[in-house]
Amino acid sequence: MSAGPRFLTLADVAEVLNTSLAQVTALVRRGELRALKLGGRGQWRVETSELEAFIERMYAETQQQLRQAATGEPGDTAGATTGESLGGAEGRP
């Protein structure tokens, strides 16, 4: 018996991440979340293992940002904008 489907729609991913479909679409288009396009209509699907890997990367980036902030180290702020942009892309196509 399977725990769940192997592939998720972008709407499913948005629900798992508790964010908008627009944000998930932006993550895919920027290459931050790996997905594949199927068929002539170009339906996007994200493999559950890719979603889990993305979540783990986000945890690791967040931990690194917290360590840098605690020690006052200058660091790459690109990861910080990823979290901040979760609200910023909502409502955009």
N, C-alpha and C. Protein backbone atom coordinates (compact mmCIF):
# COMPACT_ATOMS: atom_id res chain seq x y z
N MET A 1 0.84 -1.19 0.00
CA MET A 1 0.00 0.00 0.00
C MET A 1 0.88 1.25 0.00
N SER A 2 0.54 2.20 -0.84
CA SER A 2 1.31 3.43 -0.98
C SER A 2 0.83 4.49 0.01
N ALA A 3 1.77 5.29 0.50
CA ALA A 3 1.44 6.35 1.46
C ALA A 3 0.76 7.53 0.77
N GLY A 4 0.97 7.68 -0.52
CA GLY A 4 0.39 8.79 -1.26
C GLY A 4 0.84 8.75 -2.69
N PRO A 5 0.39 9.71 -3.48
CA PRO A 5 0.76 9.72 -4.89
C PRO A 5 2.24 10.07 -5.07
N ARG A 6 2.83 9.57 -6.15
CA ARG A 6 4.23 9.88 -6.44
C ARG A 6 4.39 11.31 -6.92
N PHE A 7 3.40 11.80 -7.68
CA PHE A 7 3.47 13.15 -8.26
C PHE A 7 2.33 14.00 -7.74
N LEU A 8 2.62 15.28 -7.56
CA LEU A 8 1.63 16.24 -7.06
C LEU A 8 1.44 17.34 -8.10
N THR A 9 0.24 17.88 -8.16
CA THR A 9 0.00 19.06 -8.97
C THR A 9 0.59 20.27 -8.23
N LEU A 10 0.73 21.37 -8.93
CA LEU A 10 1.22 22.58 -8.27
C LEU A 10 0.23 23.05 -7.20
N ALA A 11 -1.05 22.84 -7.43
CA ALA A 11 -2.05 23.19 -6.42
C ALA A 11 -1.87 22.33 -5.16
N ASP A 12 -1.55 21.05 -5.35
CA ASP A 12 -1.29 20.16 -4.21
C ASP A 12 -0.07 20.65 -3.42
N VAL A 13 0.97 21.04 -4.16
CA VAL A 13 2.20 21.53 -3.52
C VAL A 13 1.90 22.81 -2.73
N ALA A 14 1.11 23.68 -3.32
CA ALA A 14 0.74 24.93 -2.64
C ALA A 14 0.02 24.62 -1.33
N GLU A 15 -0.83 23.62 -1.35
CA GLU A 15 -1.56 23.24 -0.14
C GLU A 15 -0.60 22.68 0.92
N VAL A 16 0.32 21.83 0.50
CA VAL A 16 1.30 21.26 1.44
C VAL A 16 2.14 22.36 2.07
N LEU A 17 2.58 23.32 1.27
CA LEU A 17 3.43 24.40 1.76
C LEU A 17 2.64 25.55 2.37
N ASN A 18 1.33 25.46 2.30
CA ASN A 18 0.45 26.51 2.83
C ASN A 18 0.79 27.88 2.24
N THR A 19 0.89 27.89 0.92
CA THR A 19 1.18 29.12 0.19
C THR A 19 0.30 29.16 -1.06
N SER A 20 0.48 30.14 -1.89
CA SER A 20 -0.36 30.28 -3.07
C SER A 20 0.17 29.48 -4.26
N LEU A 21 -0.73 29.21 -5.18
CA LEU A 21 -0.36 28.56 -6.42
C LEU A 21 0.64 29.44 -7.18
N ALA A 22 0.45 30.74 -7.14
CA ALA A 22 1.37 31.66 -7.82
C ALA A 22 2.78 31.54 -7.25
N GLN A 23 2.90 31.39 -5.94
CA GLN A 23 4.23 31.27 -5.34
C GLN A 23 4.90 29.97 -5.76
N VAL A 24 4.15 28.88 -5.78
CA VAL A 24 4.71 27.59 -6.19
C VAL A 24 5.12 27.65 -7.65
N THR A 25 4.29 28.26 -8.49
CA THR A 25 4.63 28.40 -9.90
C THR A 25 5.93 29.20 -10.05
N ALA A 26 6.09 30.25 -9.27
CA ALA A 26 7.32 31.04 -9.32
C ALA A 26 8.53 30.22 -8.88
N LEU A 27 8.38 29.41 -7.85
CA LEU A 27 9.48 28.55 -7.39
C LEU A 27 9.90 27.59 -8.50
N VAL A 28 8.93 27.03 -9.20
CA VAL A 28 9.23 26.10 -10.29
C VAL A 28 9.91 26.83 -11.44
N ARG A 29 9.37 27.96 -11.83
CA ARG A 29 9.94 28.70 -12.97
C ARG A 29 11.34 29.22 -12.69
N ARG A 30 11.64 29.53 -11.42
CA ARG A 30 13.00 29.97 -11.05
C ARG A 30 13.95 28.79 -10.88
N GLY A 31 13.43 27.58 -10.91
CA GLY A 31 14.28 26.39 -10.76
C GLY A 31 14.58 26.04 -9.32
N GLU A 32 13.91 26.68 -8.38
CA GLU A 32 14.14 26.38 -6.97
C GLU A 32 13.46 25.09 -6.55
N LEU A 33 12.37 24.75 -7.23
CA LEU A 33 11.64 23.52 -6.98
C LEU A 33 11.56 22.78 -8.30
N ARG A 34 12.17 21.60 -8.35
CA ARG A 34 12.19 20.82 -9.59
C ARG A 34 10.81 20.26 -9.88
N ALA A 35 10.42 20.36 -11.13
CA ALA A 35 9.13 19.85 -11.59
C ALA A 35 9.28 19.40 -13.04
N LEU A 36 8.28 18.68 -13.51
CA LEU A 36 8.29 18.30 -14.91
C LEU A 36 6.96 18.68 -15.54
N LYS A 37 7.03 18.92 -16.84
CA LYS A 37 5.87 19.35 -17.59
C LYS A 37 5.40 18.18 -18.44
N LEU A 38 4.12 17.87 -18.35
CA LEU A 38 3.57 16.71 -19.05
C LEU A 38 2.57 17.11 -20.12
N GLY A 39 2.58 16.39 -21.21
CA GLY A 39 1.55 16.52 -22.22
C GLY A 39 1.56 17.82 -22.98
N GLY A 40 0.64 17.87 -23.94
CA GLY A 40 0.53 19.04 -24.81
C GLY A 40 0.04 20.28 -24.09
N ARG A 41 -0.68 20.10 -23.00
CA ARG A 41 -1.18 21.25 -22.25
C ARG A 41 -0.17 21.77 -21.24
N GLY A 42 0.94 21.06 -21.10
CA GLY A 42 2.00 21.52 -20.22
C GLY A 42 1.61 21.53 -18.75
N GLN A 43 1.02 20.45 -18.31
CA GLN A 43 0.64 20.34 -16.91
C GLN A 43 1.87 20.03 -16.07
N TRP A 44 2.10 20.83 -15.02
CA TRP A 44 3.25 20.66 -14.15
C TRP A 44 2.96 19.61 -13.08
N ARG A 45 3.99 18.81 -12.77
CA ARG A 45 3.91 17.84 -11.68
C ARG A 45 5.22 17.89 -10.91
N VAL A 46 5.11 17.76 -9.60
CA VAL A 46 6.27 17.74 -8.71
C VAL A 46 6.29 16.38 -8.03
N GLU A 47 7.41 15.70 -8.15
CA GLU A 47 7.55 14.41 -7.48
C GLU A 47 7.64 14.65 -5.97
N THR A 48 6.99 13.82 -5.20
CA THR A 48 6.97 14.02 -3.75
C THR A 48 8.38 14.04 -3.17
N SER A 49 9.28 13.25 -3.73
CA SER A 49 10.67 13.24 -3.23
C SER A 49 11.34 14.59 -3.50
N GLU A 50 11.01 15.24 -4.62
CA GLU A 50 11.56 16.57 -4.92
C GLU A 50 11.01 17.61 -3.96
N LEU A 51 9.74 17.50 -3.61
CA LEU A 51 9.16 18.43 -2.65
C LEU A 51 9.83 18.26 -1.29
N GLU A 52 10.04 17.02 -0.88
CA GLU A 52 10.70 16.77 0.41
C GLU A 52 12.14 17.30 0.40
N ALA A 53 12.84 17.12 -0.72
CA ALA A 53 14.21 17.64 -0.84
C ALA A 53 14.22 19.16 -0.76
N PHE A 54 13.24 19.81 -1.41
CA PHE A 54 13.11 21.26 -1.36
C PHE A 54 12.90 21.73 0.08
N ILE A 55 12.01 21.07 0.79
CA ILE A 55 11.73 21.43 2.17
C ILE A 55 12.99 21.29 3.02
N GLU A 56 13.73 20.22 2.84
CA GLU A 56 14.98 20.03 3.59
C GLU A 56 15.99 21.13 3.28
N ARG A 57 16.10 21.52 1.99
CA ARG A 57 17.00 22.61 1.62
C ARG A 57 16.59 23.91 2.29
N MET A 58 15.30 24.17 2.35
CA MET A 58 14.81 25.39 2.99
C MET A 58 15.11 25.38 4.49
N TYR A 59 14.97 24.23 5.13
CA TYR A 59 15.34 24.12 6.54
C TYR A 59 16.83 24.42 6.73
N ALA A 60 17.67 23.83 5.87
CA ALA A 60 19.12 24.03 5.98
C ALA A 60 19.48 25.51 5.76
N GLU A 61 18.86 26.13 4.74
CA GLU A 61 19.14 27.55 4.48
C GLU A 61 18.70 28.41 5.65
N THR A 62 17.55 28.09 6.22
CA THR A 62 17.05 28.86 7.36
C THR A 62 17.99 28.73 8.55
N GLN A 63 18.45 27.52 8.83
CA GLN A 63 19.39 27.31 9.93
C GLN A 63 20.68 28.11 9.72
N GLN A 64 21.18 28.10 8.49
CA GLN A 64 22.40 28.85 8.18
C GLN A 64 22.17 30.35 8.40
N GLN A 65 21.03 30.85 7.96
CA GLN A 65 20.72 32.27 8.13
C GLN A 65 20.63 32.62 9.62
N LEU A 66 20.02 31.74 10.41
CA LEU A 66 19.90 31.99 11.85
C LEU A 66 21.26 32.00 12.53
N ARG A 67 22.12 31.07 12.13
CA ARG A 67 23.49 31.03 12.70
C ARG A 67 24.25 32.30 12.34
N GLN A 68 24.13 32.73 11.08
CA GLN A 68 24.83 33.93 10.65
C GLN A 68 24.30 35.16 11.39
N ALA A 69 23.00 35.22 11.58
CA ALA A 69 22.41 36.35 12.29
C ALA A 69 22.85 36.36 13.76
N ALA A 70 22.98 35.19 14.36
CA ALA A 70 23.36 35.10 15.77
C ALA A 70 24.82 35.48 15.98
N THR A 71 25.65 35.20 14.98
CA THR A 71 27.08 35.49 15.13
C THR A 71 27.47 36.81 14.48
N GLY A 72 26.53 37.43 13.78
CA GLY A 72 26.81 38.70 13.12
C GLY A 72 27.63 38.54 11.86
N GLU A 73 27.73 37.31 11.34
CA GLU A 73 28.49 37.07 10.12
C GLU A 73 27.73 37.63 8.93
N PRO A 74 28.47 38.28 8.02
CA PRO A 74 27.80 38.66 6.77
C PRO A 74 27.55 37.38 5.99
N GLY A 75 26.42 37.30 5.33
CA GLY A 75 26.12 36.08 4.59
C GLY A 75 25.34 36.37 3.34
N ASP A 76 25.09 35.32 2.61
CA ASP A 76 24.30 35.42 1.40
C ASP A 76 22.86 35.68 1.80
N THR A 77 22.30 36.76 1.35
CA THR A 77 20.93 37.10 1.71
C THR A 77 19.93 36.56 0.70
N ALA A 78 20.40 35.86 -0.33
CA ALA A 78 19.48 35.33 -1.34
C ALA A 78 18.49 34.38 -0.71
N GLY A 79 18.92 33.54 0.21
CA GLY A 79 18.01 32.61 0.86
C GLY A 79 16.98 33.33 1.70
N ALA A 80 17.37 34.45 2.30
CA ALA A 80 16.44 35.21 3.14
C ALA A 80 15.29 35.74 2.30
N THR A 81 15.59 36.15 1.07
CA THR A 81 14.52 36.68 0.25
C THR A 81 13.58 35.58 -0.19
N THR A 82 14.05 34.33 -0.23
CA THR A 82 13.16 33.23 -0.59
C THR A 82 12.01 33.15 0.39
N GLY A 83 12.30 33.18 1.67
CA GLY A 83 11.26 33.13 2.68
C GLY A 83 10.39 34.36 2.67
N GLU A 84 11.02 35.51 2.46
CA GLU A 84 10.28 36.75 2.47
C GLU A 84 9.36 36.84 1.26
N SER A 85 9.78 36.23 0.14
CA SER A 85 9.00 36.35 -1.07
C SER A 85 7.76 35.46 -1.06
N LEU A 86 7.62 34.60 -0.06
CA LEU A 86 6.45 33.76 -0.02
C LEU A 86 5.17 34.57 -0.06
N GLY A 87 5.16 35.70 0.60
CA GLY A 87 3.98 36.54 0.57
C GLY A 87 3.99 37.48 -0.62
N GLY A 88 5.16 37.81 -1.13
CA GLY A 88 5.27 38.81 -2.18
C GLY A 88 4.74 38.40 -3.53
N ALA A 89 4.81 37.12 -3.86
CA ALA A 89 4.39 36.69 -5.18
C ALA A 89 2.93 36.26 -5.21
N GLU A 90 2.27 36.26 -4.08
CA GLU A 90 0.87 35.82 -4.06
C GLU A 90 0.04 36.77 -4.90
N GLY A 91 -0.83 36.15 -5.67
CA GLY A 91 -1.69 36.95 -6.51
C GLY A 91 -1.11 37.26 -7.87
N ARG A 92 0.20 37.02 -8.05
CA ARG A 92 0.82 37.27 -9.36
C ARG A 92 0.80 35.98 -10.16
N PRO A 93 0.66 36.03 -11.47
CA PRO A 93 0.67 34.82 -12.31
C PRO A 93 2.05 34.21 -12.41
